[in-house]
Amino acid sequence: MKSRQYSVLDRGIMSLDSVLANRSKSGAVRKKRLYPAEVHSESNLDENEKKHVSALMRVNHAGEIAAQALYKAQALTARDDELKKTMQQSADEEQDHLDWCESRIKELDDHTSYLEPVWYGGSFAIGVVAGCFGDKWNLGFLAETEYQVVRHLDAHLKQIPERDQRSRSILEQMRKDELQHAVTAETAGAKNLPKGVKRLMTLTSKVMTKTAYKY
């Protein structure tokens, strides 16, 4: 029997279904690296600090949901096999980030964003569109996304109390990984995006950040 040839849309839907099904069964994505917070003891945060930190971690978790979708979509549309491998490696590291953020949110007795399917679906669509313009623009979009994430993490690190080393260690490792992802994309030949596209990306990120902070 002749095997069915799946379109990019078909593979995208299967990818979305796989991720959401996995999370609904296990509650978290499998850890692949040491949880950075393990080497630090819990700090005594007051209720306001605890609420704020957990909301920041919820924002980061939502960002990692979006990152998973983005990388998977771009891997599906990439022309070059080596680029696909690079995308998958980065996606694996983003899965670590996703798990770390969720673990920390649970430690703080809070919940992840209720809009996870929205973050995933929207980002997957954006990733597919970016990939359709070719590998160089695909990489350019990826690099700019990661640089914006690094700036976003820098802002969060300034807000999290110094004594909360569990949360800080997670964000610091995430920042290191995201920066490396951006450099890897540039090394692979990423094109510099037009300023208008960068501004639109920043605006979209702000909307997601403010929404995920509350919901």
N, C-alpha and C. Protein backbone atom coordinates (compact mmCIF):
# COMPACT_ATOMS: atom_id res chain seq x y z
N MET A 1 0.84 -1.19 0.00
CA MET A 1 0.00 0.00 0.00
C MET A 1 0.88 1.25 0.00
N LYS A 2 0.52 2.21 -0.83
CA LYS A 2 1.31 3.42 -0.93
C LYS A 2 1.11 4.29 0.31
N SER A 3 2.20 4.74 0.90
CA SER A 3 2.11 5.56 2.11
C SER A 3 1.59 6.95 1.77
N ARG A 4 0.86 7.52 2.69
CA ARG A 4 0.28 8.84 2.48
C ARG A 4 1.35 9.91 2.61
N GLN A 5 1.30 10.89 1.70
CA GLN A 5 2.21 12.02 1.77
C GLN A 5 1.52 13.17 2.50
N TYR A 6 2.07 13.55 3.65
CA TYR A 6 1.46 14.60 4.45
C TYR A 6 1.94 15.98 4.03
N SER A 7 1.02 16.93 4.00
CA SER A 7 1.38 18.31 3.69
C SER A 7 1.94 18.98 4.93
N VAL A 8 2.48 20.20 4.77
CA VAL A 8 2.98 20.96 5.91
C VAL A 8 1.86 21.20 6.92
N LEU A 9 0.66 21.49 6.41
CA LEU A 9 -0.48 21.73 7.30
C LEU A 9 -0.82 20.48 8.08
N ASP A 10 -0.83 19.31 7.38
CA ASP A 10 -1.11 18.05 8.06
C ASP A 10 -0.11 17.81 9.19
N ARG A 11 1.17 17.98 8.88
CA ARG A 11 2.22 17.74 9.88
C ARG A 11 2.12 18.74 11.02
N GLY A 12 1.71 19.95 10.71
CA GLY A 12 1.56 20.96 11.76
C GLY A 12 0.45 20.60 12.73
N ILE A 13 -0.68 20.14 12.18
CA ILE A 13 -1.79 19.74 13.03
C ILE A 13 -1.39 18.55 13.91
N MET A 14 -0.67 17.59 13.32
CA MET A 14 -0.22 16.43 14.11
C MET A 14 0.76 16.86 15.20
N SER A 15 1.61 17.84 14.89
CA SER A 15 2.57 18.34 15.87
C SER A 15 1.86 18.99 17.03
N LEU A 16 0.86 19.83 16.72
CA LEU A 16 0.08 20.50 17.76
C LEU A 16 -0.64 19.48 18.62
N ASP A 17 -1.26 18.49 17.97
CA ASP A 17 -1.99 17.46 18.70
C ASP A 17 -1.07 16.68 19.62
N SER A 18 0.13 16.37 19.14
CA SER A 18 1.10 15.60 19.91
C SER A 18 1.52 16.33 21.17
N VAL A 19 1.83 17.63 21.04
CA VAL A 19 2.29 18.42 22.19
C VAL A 19 1.19 18.56 23.23
N LEU A 20 -0.03 18.92 22.77
CA LEU A 20 -1.12 19.14 23.71
C LEU A 20 -1.54 17.83 24.37
N ALA A 21 -1.52 16.73 23.62
CA ALA A 21 -1.88 15.43 24.19
C ALA A 21 -0.88 15.02 25.24
N ASN A 22 0.41 15.24 24.98
CA ASN A 22 1.47 14.88 25.92
C ASN A 22 1.33 15.66 27.21
N ARG A 23 1.02 16.95 27.11
CA ARG A 23 0.90 17.78 28.30
C ARG A 23 -0.33 17.41 29.09
N SER A 24 -1.41 17.03 28.42
CA SER A 24 -2.62 16.68 29.13
C SER A 24 -2.46 15.37 29.91
N LYS A 25 -1.60 14.48 29.42
CA LYS A 25 -1.39 13.20 30.08
C LYS A 25 -0.39 13.31 31.22
N SER A 26 0.71 13.99 30.98
CA SER A 26 1.80 14.00 31.96
C SER A 26 1.81 15.24 32.82
N GLY A 27 1.22 16.35 32.33
CA GLY A 27 1.22 17.59 33.09
C GLY A 27 2.49 18.38 32.90
N ALA A 28 3.52 17.79 32.30
CA ALA A 28 4.78 18.49 32.07
C ALA A 28 5.58 17.74 31.01
N VAL A 29 6.43 18.47 30.35
CA VAL A 29 7.29 17.85 29.36
C VAL A 29 8.49 17.21 30.08
N ARG A 30 8.91 16.05 29.62
CA ARG A 30 9.99 15.32 30.28
C ARG A 30 11.27 16.15 30.39
N LYS A 31 11.87 16.13 31.58
CA LYS A 31 13.13 16.84 31.79
C LYS A 31 14.27 16.14 31.06
N LYS A 32 15.14 16.92 30.45
CA LYS A 32 16.30 16.36 29.77
C LYS A 32 17.59 16.85 30.40
N ARG A 33 17.51 17.94 31.14
CA ARG A 33 18.69 18.45 31.83
C ARG A 33 18.36 18.71 33.29
N LEU A 34 19.39 18.87 34.09
CA LEU A 34 19.19 19.14 35.51
C LEU A 34 18.37 20.40 35.72
N TYR A 35 17.40 20.32 36.60
CA TYR A 35 16.58 21.46 36.99
C TYR A 35 17.47 22.45 37.73
N PRO A 36 17.72 23.64 37.18
CA PRO A 36 18.66 24.59 37.79
C PRO A 36 18.37 24.93 39.24
N ALA A 37 17.08 24.94 39.60
CA ALA A 37 16.70 25.34 40.95
C ALA A 37 17.05 24.31 42.01
N GLU A 38 17.38 23.09 41.61
CA GLU A 38 17.62 22.01 42.57
C GLU A 38 18.74 22.32 43.55
N VAL A 39 19.72 23.09 43.12
CA VAL A 39 20.88 23.35 43.98
C VAL A 39 20.65 24.52 44.93
N HIS A 40 19.46 25.11 44.89
CA HIS A 40 19.16 26.25 45.76
C HIS A 40 17.97 25.94 46.67
N SER A 41 18.05 26.42 47.89
CA SER A 41 16.95 26.23 48.82
C SER A 41 15.86 27.26 48.57
N GLU A 42 14.67 26.97 49.07
CA GLU A 42 13.55 27.89 48.88
C GLU A 42 13.73 29.14 49.74
N SER A 43 13.38 30.30 49.17
CA SER A 43 13.49 31.56 49.91
C SER A 43 12.14 31.91 50.53
N ASN A 44 12.18 32.76 51.53
CA ASN A 44 10.95 33.18 52.20
C ASN A 44 10.40 34.43 51.54
N LEU A 45 9.59 34.23 50.52
CA LEU A 45 8.96 35.37 49.84
C LEU A 45 7.66 35.72 50.54
N ASP A 46 7.37 37.02 50.64
CA ASP A 46 6.07 37.39 51.19
C ASP A 46 5.01 37.15 50.11
N GLU A 47 3.75 37.30 50.46
CA GLU A 47 2.66 36.95 49.54
C GLU A 47 2.69 37.76 48.24
N ASN A 48 2.98 39.06 48.37
CA ASN A 48 3.03 39.90 47.17
C ASN A 48 4.19 39.50 46.24
N GLU A 49 5.33 39.21 46.83
CA GLU A 49 6.49 38.78 46.04
C GLU A 49 6.20 37.44 45.36
N LYS A 50 5.62 36.54 46.13
CA LYS A 50 5.31 35.21 45.60
C LYS A 50 4.34 35.31 44.42
N LYS A 51 3.34 36.16 44.56
CA LYS A 51 2.35 36.34 43.51
C LYS A 51 2.98 36.93 42.25
N HIS A 52 3.86 37.90 42.45
CA HIS A 52 4.50 38.56 41.31
C HIS A 52 5.47 37.62 40.60
N VAL A 53 6.28 36.90 41.37
CA VAL A 53 7.25 35.98 40.77
C VAL A 53 6.54 34.87 40.01
N SER A 54 5.48 34.32 40.60
CA SER A 54 4.76 33.24 39.92
C SER A 54 4.13 33.74 38.62
N ALA A 55 3.67 34.99 38.61
CA ALA A 55 3.09 35.56 37.40
C ALA A 55 4.16 35.76 36.33
N LEU A 56 5.35 36.17 36.75
CA LEU A 56 6.46 36.32 35.81
C LEU A 56 6.84 34.96 35.22
N MET A 57 6.86 33.94 36.06
CA MET A 57 7.19 32.61 35.58
C MET A 57 6.09 32.08 34.65
N ARG A 58 4.85 32.47 34.90
CA ARG A 58 3.76 32.08 34.01
C ARG A 58 3.96 32.71 32.63
N VAL A 59 4.41 33.96 32.61
CA VAL A 59 4.71 34.63 31.34
C VAL A 59 5.81 33.88 30.60
N ASN A 60 6.85 33.50 31.32
CA ASN A 60 7.96 32.77 30.70
C ASN A 60 7.51 31.40 30.20
N HIS A 61 6.63 30.76 30.97
CA HIS A 61 6.11 29.46 30.55
C HIS A 61 5.30 29.61 29.25
N ALA A 62 4.47 30.66 29.18
CA ALA A 62 3.70 30.91 27.97
C ALA A 62 4.63 31.17 26.79
N GLY A 63 5.73 31.88 27.06
CA GLY A 63 6.71 32.14 26.02
C GLY A 63 7.35 30.86 25.51
N GLU A 64 7.56 29.90 26.40
CA GLU A 64 8.15 28.64 26.00
C GLU A 64 7.17 27.77 25.22
N ILE A 65 5.88 27.89 25.54
CA ILE A 65 4.85 27.23 24.74
C ILE A 65 4.93 27.76 23.31
N ALA A 66 5.02 29.09 23.20
CA ALA A 66 5.12 29.72 21.89
C ALA A 66 6.40 29.31 21.17
N ALA A 67 7.49 29.21 21.92
CA ALA A 67 8.78 28.83 21.32
C ALA A 67 8.73 27.42 20.75
N GLN A 68 8.07 26.51 21.48
CA GLN A 68 7.92 25.14 20.98
C GLN A 68 7.23 25.14 19.63
N ALA A 69 6.14 25.89 19.55
CA ALA A 69 5.37 25.95 18.31
C ALA A 69 6.18 26.58 17.19
N LEU A 70 6.90 27.64 17.53
CA LEU A 70 7.69 28.35 16.54
C LEU A 70 8.77 27.46 15.94
N TYR A 71 9.51 26.77 16.80
CA TYR A 71 10.59 25.91 16.31
C TYR A 71 10.06 24.74 15.50
N LYS A 72 8.96 24.14 15.95
CA LYS A 72 8.41 23.01 15.22
C LYS A 72 7.89 23.43 13.85
N ALA A 73 7.26 24.60 13.79
CA ALA A 73 6.76 25.10 12.52
C ALA A 73 7.90 25.42 11.56
N GLN A 74 8.94 26.05 12.08
CA GLN A 74 10.06 26.42 11.23
C GLN A 74 10.85 25.18 10.79
N ALA A 75 10.90 24.16 11.64
CA ALA A 75 11.57 22.93 11.24
C ALA A 75 10.80 22.24 10.11
N LEU A 76 9.48 22.34 10.15
CA LEU A 76 8.65 21.74 9.11
C LEU A 76 8.84 22.43 7.76
N THR A 77 9.08 23.74 7.79
CA THR A 77 9.17 24.50 6.54
C THR A 77 10.60 24.70 6.06
N ALA A 78 11.59 24.35 6.89
CA ALA A 78 12.99 24.53 6.49
C ALA A 78 13.34 23.63 5.31
N ARG A 79 14.14 24.16 4.38
CA ARG A 79 14.55 23.39 3.21
C ARG A 79 15.78 22.54 3.49
N ASP A 80 16.68 23.07 4.29
CA ASP A 80 17.96 22.42 4.53
C ASP A 80 17.85 21.41 5.68
N ASP A 81 18.34 20.19 5.47
CA ASP A 81 18.24 19.14 6.49
C ASP A 81 19.03 19.48 7.75
N GLU A 82 20.21 20.10 7.58
CA GLU A 82 21.01 20.48 8.75
C GLU A 82 20.30 21.53 9.57
N LEU A 83 19.61 22.45 8.89
CA LEU A 83 18.85 23.48 9.59
C LEU A 83 17.71 22.84 10.39
N LYS A 84 17.09 21.84 9.81
CA LYS A 84 16.02 21.15 10.52
C LYS A 84 16.55 20.52 11.81
N LYS A 85 17.75 19.94 11.74
CA LYS A 85 18.36 19.34 12.93
C LYS A 85 18.65 20.40 13.99
N THR A 86 19.14 21.56 13.52
CA THR A 86 19.43 22.65 14.44
C THR A 86 18.16 23.13 15.13
N MET A 87 17.10 23.25 14.36
CA MET A 87 15.81 23.67 14.91
C MET A 87 15.32 22.68 15.96
N GLN A 88 15.47 21.39 15.67
CA GLN A 88 15.01 20.37 16.61
C GLN A 88 15.82 20.39 17.90
N GLN A 89 17.13 20.62 17.78
CA GLN A 89 17.98 20.70 18.98
C GLN A 89 17.56 21.87 19.85
N SER A 90 17.30 23.00 19.22
CA SER A 90 16.85 24.18 19.96
C SER A 90 15.49 23.91 20.60
N ALA A 91 14.61 23.23 19.86
CA ALA A 91 13.29 22.90 20.40
C ALA A 91 13.41 22.02 21.63
N ASP A 92 14.37 21.09 21.63
CA ASP A 92 14.58 20.22 22.79
C ASP A 92 14.98 21.05 24.01
N GLU A 93 15.83 22.04 23.81
CA GLU A 93 16.25 22.90 24.92
C GLU A 93 15.08 23.75 25.40
N GLU A 94 14.22 24.17 24.47
CA GLU A 94 13.04 24.94 24.86
C GLU A 94 12.10 24.06 25.69
N GLN A 95 12.08 22.76 25.43
CA GLN A 95 11.27 21.85 26.23
C GLN A 95 11.77 21.82 27.67
N ASP A 96 13.08 21.86 27.84
CA ASP A 96 13.65 21.94 29.19
C ASP A 96 13.14 23.20 29.88
N HIS A 97 13.20 24.32 29.18
CA HIS A 97 12.74 25.59 29.75
C HIS A 97 11.27 25.50 30.16
N LEU A 98 10.49 24.88 29.31
CA LEU A 98 9.06 24.73 29.57
C LEU A 98 8.83 23.96 30.86
N ASP A 99 9.56 22.88 31.02
CA ASP A 99 9.41 22.05 32.22
C ASP A 99 9.88 22.79 33.47
N TRP A 100 11.02 23.49 33.35
CA TRP A 100 11.54 24.23 34.50
C TRP A 100 10.56 25.30 34.97
N CYS A 101 10.01 26.04 34.03
CA CYS A 101 9.06 27.11 34.39
C CYS A 101 7.82 26.52 35.06
N GLU A 102 7.32 25.43 34.50
CA GLU A 102 6.13 24.81 35.09
C GLU A 102 6.42 24.28 36.49
N SER A 103 7.58 23.70 36.68
CA SER A 103 7.94 23.19 38.01
C SER A 103 7.99 24.32 39.03
N ARG A 104 8.57 25.44 38.62
CA ARG A 104 8.67 26.57 39.54
C ARG A 104 7.30 27.16 39.86
N ILE A 105 6.44 27.23 38.87
CA ILE A 105 5.09 27.74 39.09
C ILE A 105 4.35 26.86 40.11
N LYS A 106 4.52 25.55 39.99
CA LYS A 106 3.88 24.63 40.93
C LYS A 106 4.45 24.82 42.34
N GLU A 107 5.76 25.05 42.43
CA GLU A 107 6.38 25.29 43.74
C GLU A 107 5.80 26.53 44.40
N LEU A 108 5.39 27.48 43.59
CA LEU A 108 4.83 28.73 44.10
C LEU A 108 3.32 28.66 44.23
N ASP A 109 2.77 27.46 44.06
CA ASP A 109 1.32 27.21 44.22
C ASP A 109 0.47 28.07 43.29
N ASP A 110 0.89 28.15 42.04
CA ASP A 110 0.13 28.93 41.07
C ASP A 110 -0.14 28.07 39.83
N HIS A 111 -0.75 28.65 38.84
CA HIS A 111 -1.14 27.91 37.64
C HIS A 111 -0.46 28.47 36.39
N THR A 112 -0.33 27.63 35.38
CA THR A 112 0.17 28.09 34.08
C THR A 112 -0.95 28.83 33.36
N SER A 113 -0.63 29.45 32.24
CA SER A 113 -1.62 30.23 31.51
C SER A 113 -2.78 29.36 31.03
N TYR A 114 -3.99 29.90 31.15
CA TYR A 114 -5.16 29.20 30.66
C TYR A 114 -5.26 29.23 29.14
N LEU A 115 -4.42 30.05 28.52
CA LEU A 115 -4.50 30.25 27.07
C LEU A 115 -3.40 29.51 26.30
N GLU A 116 -2.90 28.43 26.85
CA GLU A 116 -1.82 27.69 26.21
C GLU A 116 -2.12 27.32 24.75
N PRO A 117 -3.33 26.81 24.43
CA PRO A 117 -3.61 26.48 23.03
C PRO A 117 -3.53 27.69 22.11
N VAL A 118 -3.89 28.86 22.63
CA VAL A 118 -3.83 30.08 21.83
C VAL A 118 -2.38 30.45 21.53
N TRP A 119 -1.53 30.40 22.57
CA TRP A 119 -0.12 30.73 22.38
C TRP A 119 0.53 29.76 21.39
N TYR A 120 0.18 28.48 21.53
CA TYR A 120 0.79 27.48 20.64
C TYR A 120 0.29 27.65 19.21
N GLY A 121 -1.01 27.71 19.04
CA GLY A 121 -1.58 27.81 17.70
C GLY A 121 -1.15 29.06 16.95
N GLY A 122 -1.17 30.20 17.65
CA GLY A 122 -0.77 31.45 17.01
C GLY A 122 0.69 31.45 16.61
N SER A 123 1.55 30.96 17.48
CA SER A 123 2.98 30.94 17.19
C SER A 123 3.31 29.94 16.09
N PHE A 124 2.58 28.82 16.07
CA PHE A 124 2.82 27.84 15.02
C PHE A 124 2.51 28.46 13.65
N ALA A 125 1.41 29.19 13.58
CA ALA A 125 1.02 29.84 12.32
C ALA A 125 2.07 30.86 11.89
N ILE A 126 2.57 31.64 12.85
CA ILE A 126 3.60 32.63 12.55
C ILE A 126 4.87 31.94 12.06
N GLY A 127 5.23 30.82 12.70
CA GLY A 127 6.42 30.08 12.30
C GLY A 127 6.32 29.54 10.89
N VAL A 128 5.14 29.07 10.52
CA VAL A 128 4.93 28.55 9.17
C VAL A 128 5.09 29.67 8.14
N VAL A 129 4.49 30.83 8.45
CA VAL A 129 4.59 31.98 7.53
C VAL A 129 6.05 32.39 7.37
N ALA A 130 6.78 32.48 8.48
CA ALA A 130 8.18 32.88 8.43
C ALA A 130 9.00 31.89 7.61
N GLY A 131 8.72 30.60 7.78
CA GLY A 131 9.46 29.58 7.07
C GLY A 131 9.20 29.60 5.57
N CYS A 132 8.03 30.05 5.17
CA CYS A 132 7.68 30.08 3.75
C CYS A 132 8.50 31.10 2.96
N PHE A 133 9.14 32.03 3.62
CA PHE A 133 9.96 33.03 2.95
C PHE A 133 11.38 32.53 2.67
N GLY A 134 11.68 31.32 3.12
CA GLY A 134 13.00 30.75 2.87
C GLY A 134 13.83 30.65 4.14
N ASP A 135 14.85 29.82 4.10
CA ASP A 135 15.65 29.52 5.29
C ASP A 135 16.35 30.74 5.90
N LYS A 136 16.87 31.63 5.07
CA LYS A 136 17.60 32.79 5.59
C LYS A 136 16.68 33.73 6.36
N TRP A 137 15.49 33.96 5.82
CA TRP A 137 14.53 34.81 6.53
C TRP A 137 13.97 34.06 7.75
N ASN A 138 13.81 32.76 7.61
CA ASN A 138 13.39 31.91 8.71
C ASN A 138 14.35 32.09 9.89
N LEU A 139 15.65 32.00 9.58
CA LEU A 139 16.68 32.16 10.61
C LEU A 139 16.70 33.58 11.17
N GLY A 140 16.44 34.55 10.31
CA GLY A 140 16.40 35.93 10.76
C GLY A 140 15.29 36.16 11.77
N PHE A 141 14.14 35.58 11.49
CA PHE A 141 13.00 35.68 12.41
C PHE A 141 13.33 35.01 13.73
N LEU A 142 13.98 33.86 13.64
CA LEU A 142 14.38 33.12 14.84
C LEU A 142 15.37 33.92 15.69
N ALA A 143 16.38 34.47 15.03
CA ALA A 143 17.40 35.23 15.76
C ALA A 143 16.78 36.43 16.47
N GLU A 144 15.93 37.18 15.77
CA GLU A 144 15.29 38.35 16.38
C GLU A 144 14.39 37.94 17.53
N THR A 145 13.67 36.85 17.37
CA THR A 145 12.83 36.35 18.45
C THR A 145 13.65 36.07 19.70
N GLU A 146 14.78 35.40 19.51
CA GLU A 146 15.61 35.03 20.66
C GLU A 146 16.23 36.25 21.32
N TYR A 147 16.64 37.24 20.54
CA TYR A 147 17.20 38.45 21.13
C TYR A 147 16.13 39.20 21.94
N GLN A 148 14.91 39.19 21.45
CA GLN A 148 13.83 39.82 22.20
C GLN A 148 13.55 39.06 23.50
N VAL A 149 13.66 37.74 23.44
CA VAL A 149 13.47 36.93 24.64
C VAL A 149 14.56 37.22 25.67
N VAL A 150 15.79 37.39 25.20
CA VAL A 150 16.90 37.71 26.11
C VAL A 150 16.63 39.03 26.83
N ARG A 151 16.17 40.04 26.09
CA ARG A 151 15.86 41.33 26.72
C ARG A 151 14.70 41.18 27.71
N HIS A 152 13.76 40.36 27.36
CA HIS A 152 12.61 40.09 28.21
C HIS A 152 13.06 39.41 29.52
N LEU A 153 13.96 38.46 29.42
CA LEU A 153 14.49 37.77 30.61
C LEU A 153 15.32 38.71 31.47
N ASP A 154 16.07 39.60 30.84
CA ASP A 154 16.84 40.59 31.59
C ASP A 154 15.91 41.44 32.46
N ALA A 155 14.77 41.83 31.88
CA ALA A 155 13.81 42.64 32.62
C ALA A 155 13.23 41.87 33.80
N HIS A 156 12.97 40.59 33.61
CA HIS A 156 12.43 39.78 34.70
C HIS A 156 13.45 39.55 35.81
N LEU A 157 14.69 39.35 35.42
CA LEU A 157 15.74 39.14 36.42
C LEU A 157 15.91 40.37 37.33
N LYS A 158 15.61 41.54 36.80
CA LYS A 158 15.70 42.76 37.61
C LYS A 158 14.54 42.84 38.61
N GLN A 159 13.45 42.14 38.31
CA GLN A 159 12.27 42.23 39.17
C GLN A 159 12.21 41.13 40.24
N ILE A 160 12.89 40.03 39.99
CA ILE A 160 12.84 38.93 40.94
C ILE A 160 13.82 39.18 42.09
N PRO A 161 13.37 39.05 43.33
CA PRO A 161 14.24 39.31 44.49
C PRO A 161 15.55 38.51 44.42
N GLU A 162 16.63 39.13 44.84
CA GLU A 162 17.94 38.47 44.81
C GLU A 162 17.93 37.17 45.61
N ARG A 163 17.16 37.13 46.70
CA ARG A 163 17.17 35.94 47.56
C ARG A 163 16.41 34.77 46.93
N ASP A 164 15.63 35.03 45.88
CA ASP A 164 14.91 33.95 45.22
C ASP A 164 15.82 33.31 44.16
N GLN A 165 16.80 32.57 44.64
CA GLN A 165 17.78 31.96 43.74
C GLN A 165 17.20 30.80 42.93
N ARG A 166 16.13 30.22 43.38
CA ARG A 166 15.51 29.14 42.61
C ARG A 166 14.97 29.69 41.28
N SER A 167 14.23 30.78 41.36
CA SER A 167 13.68 31.38 40.14
C SER A 167 14.78 31.99 39.28
N ARG A 168 15.70 32.67 39.92
CA ARG A 168 16.77 33.35 39.19
C ARG A 168 17.66 32.35 38.43
N SER A 169 17.96 31.22 39.04
CA SER A 169 18.83 30.24 38.38
C SER A 169 18.18 29.69 37.11
N ILE A 170 16.86 29.55 37.13
CA ILE A 170 16.13 29.07 35.95
C ILE A 170 16.23 30.08 34.82
N LEU A 171 15.94 31.34 35.14
CA LEU A 171 15.96 32.38 34.11
C LEU A 171 17.36 32.63 33.58
N GLU A 172 18.35 32.53 34.44
CA GLU A 172 19.73 32.74 33.99
C GLU A 172 20.17 31.67 33.00
N GLN A 173 19.79 30.41 33.26
CA GLN A 173 20.14 29.34 32.32
C GLN A 173 19.35 29.49 31.02
N MET A 174 18.10 29.89 31.14
CA MET A 174 17.29 30.13 29.95
C MET A 174 17.90 31.24 29.10
N ARG A 175 18.34 32.30 29.75
CA ARG A 175 18.94 33.42 29.02
C ARG A 175 20.18 32.96 28.25
N LYS A 176 20.99 32.15 28.90
CA LYS A 176 22.20 31.64 28.26
C LYS A 176 21.86 30.81 27.02
N ASP A 177 20.85 29.96 27.14
CA ASP A 177 20.44 29.11 26.02
C ASP A 177 19.86 29.94 24.88
N GLU A 178 19.00 30.91 25.22
CA GLU A 178 18.35 31.71 24.19
C GLU A 178 19.37 32.54 23.41
N LEU A 179 20.34 33.07 24.11
CA LEU A 179 21.38 33.84 23.44
C LEU A 179 22.16 32.96 22.48
N GLN A 180 22.44 31.73 22.91
CA GLN A 180 23.16 30.80 22.05
C GLN A 180 22.33 30.45 20.81
N HIS A 181 21.02 30.32 20.98
CA HIS A 181 20.14 30.04 19.84
C HIS A 181 20.22 31.17 18.82
N ALA A 182 20.24 32.41 19.31
CA ALA A 182 20.31 33.56 18.41
C ALA A 182 21.63 33.57 17.65
N VAL A 183 22.71 33.33 18.36
CA VAL A 183 24.04 33.32 17.73
C VAL A 183 24.13 32.19 16.70
N THR A 184 23.56 31.04 17.03
CA THR A 184 23.57 29.90 16.10
C THR A 184 22.83 30.26 14.82
N ALA A 185 21.69 30.93 14.96
CA ALA A 185 20.91 31.33 13.79
C ALA A 185 21.68 32.32 12.92
N GLU A 186 22.37 33.26 13.56
CA GLU A 186 23.15 34.24 12.81
C GLU A 186 24.32 33.57 12.09
N THR A 187 24.97 32.64 12.77
CA THR A 187 26.09 31.93 12.17
C THR A 187 25.65 31.12 10.95
N ALA A 188 24.41 30.65 10.98
CA ALA A 188 23.88 29.84 9.88
C ALA A 188 23.42 30.69 8.70
N GLY A 189 23.51 32.02 8.85
CA GLY A 189 23.18 32.89 7.72
C GLY A 189 21.90 33.67 7.83
N ALA A 190 21.45 33.95 9.03
CA ALA A 190 20.20 34.68 9.22
C ALA A 190 20.25 36.08 8.59
N LYS A 191 19.14 36.46 7.96
CA LYS A 191 19.03 37.80 7.41
C LYS A 191 18.48 38.75 8.47
N ASN A 192 18.90 39.99 8.41
CA ASN A 192 18.42 40.99 9.35
C ASN A 192 17.02 41.46 8.95
N LEU A 193 16.07 41.33 9.84
CA LEU A 193 14.69 41.67 9.52
C LEU A 193 14.48 43.18 9.40
N PRO A 194 13.52 43.60 8.59
CA PRO A 194 13.19 45.03 8.48
C PRO A 194 12.71 45.57 9.84
N LYS A 195 12.93 46.85 10.08
CA LYS A 195 12.56 47.44 11.37
C LYS A 195 11.07 47.32 11.65
N GLY A 196 10.26 47.43 10.61
CA GLY A 196 8.81 47.33 10.80
C GLY A 196 8.40 45.96 11.32
N VAL A 197 9.05 44.92 10.84
CA VAL A 197 8.75 43.56 11.30
C VAL A 197 9.17 43.40 12.76
N LYS A 198 10.33 43.96 13.10
CA LYS A 198 10.80 43.87 14.48
C LYS A 198 9.85 44.59 15.43
N ARG A 199 9.36 45.75 15.02
CA ARG A 199 8.42 46.49 15.87
C ARG A 199 7.12 45.71 16.06
N LEU A 200 6.65 45.07 14.98
CA LEU A 200 5.42 44.27 15.08
C LEU A 200 5.63 43.09 16.01
N MET A 201 6.80 42.46 15.95
CA MET A 201 7.11 41.35 16.84
C MET A 201 7.12 41.80 18.29
N THR A 202 7.69 42.99 18.53
CA THR A 202 7.75 43.53 19.89
C THR A 202 6.35 43.81 20.42
N LEU A 203 5.49 44.38 19.57
CA LEU A 203 4.11 44.69 19.98
C LEU A 203 3.35 43.41 20.31
N THR A 204 3.50 42.40 19.46
CA THR A 204 2.83 41.12 19.69
C THR A 204 3.29 40.49 21.00
N SER A 205 4.59 40.59 21.27
CA SER A 205 5.14 40.04 22.50
C SER A 205 4.57 40.74 23.73
N LYS A 206 4.41 42.04 23.65
CA LYS A 206 3.86 42.80 24.78
C LYS A 206 2.43 42.39 25.09
N VAL A 207 1.64 42.16 24.05
CA VAL A 207 0.26 41.74 24.24
C VAL A 207 0.22 40.38 24.94
N MET A 208 1.05 39.45 24.48
CA MET A 208 1.09 38.13 25.08
C MET A 208 1.57 38.20 26.53
N THR A 209 2.58 39.01 26.77
CA THR A 209 3.15 39.13 28.11
C THR A 209 2.13 39.65 29.12
N LYS A 210 1.43 40.71 28.76
CA LYS A 210 0.44 41.30 29.67
C LYS A 210 -0.72 40.36 29.92
N THR A 211 -1.11 39.62 28.89
CA THR A 211 -2.23 38.69 29.03
C THR A 211 -1.85 37.49 29.89
N ALA A 212 -0.69 36.90 29.59
CA ALA A 212 -0.24 35.72 30.33
C ALA A 212 0.05 36.04 31.79
N TYR A 213 0.46 37.27 32.09
CA TYR A 213 0.73 37.66 33.47
C TYR A 213 -0.52 37.48 34.33
N LYS A 214 -1.69 37.78 33.73
CA LYS A 214 -2.94 37.69 34.49
C LYS A 214 -3.64 36.35 34.32
N TYR A 215 -3.53 35.80 33.12
CA TYR A 215 -4.30 34.59 32.81
C TYR A 215 -3.43 33.41 32.40
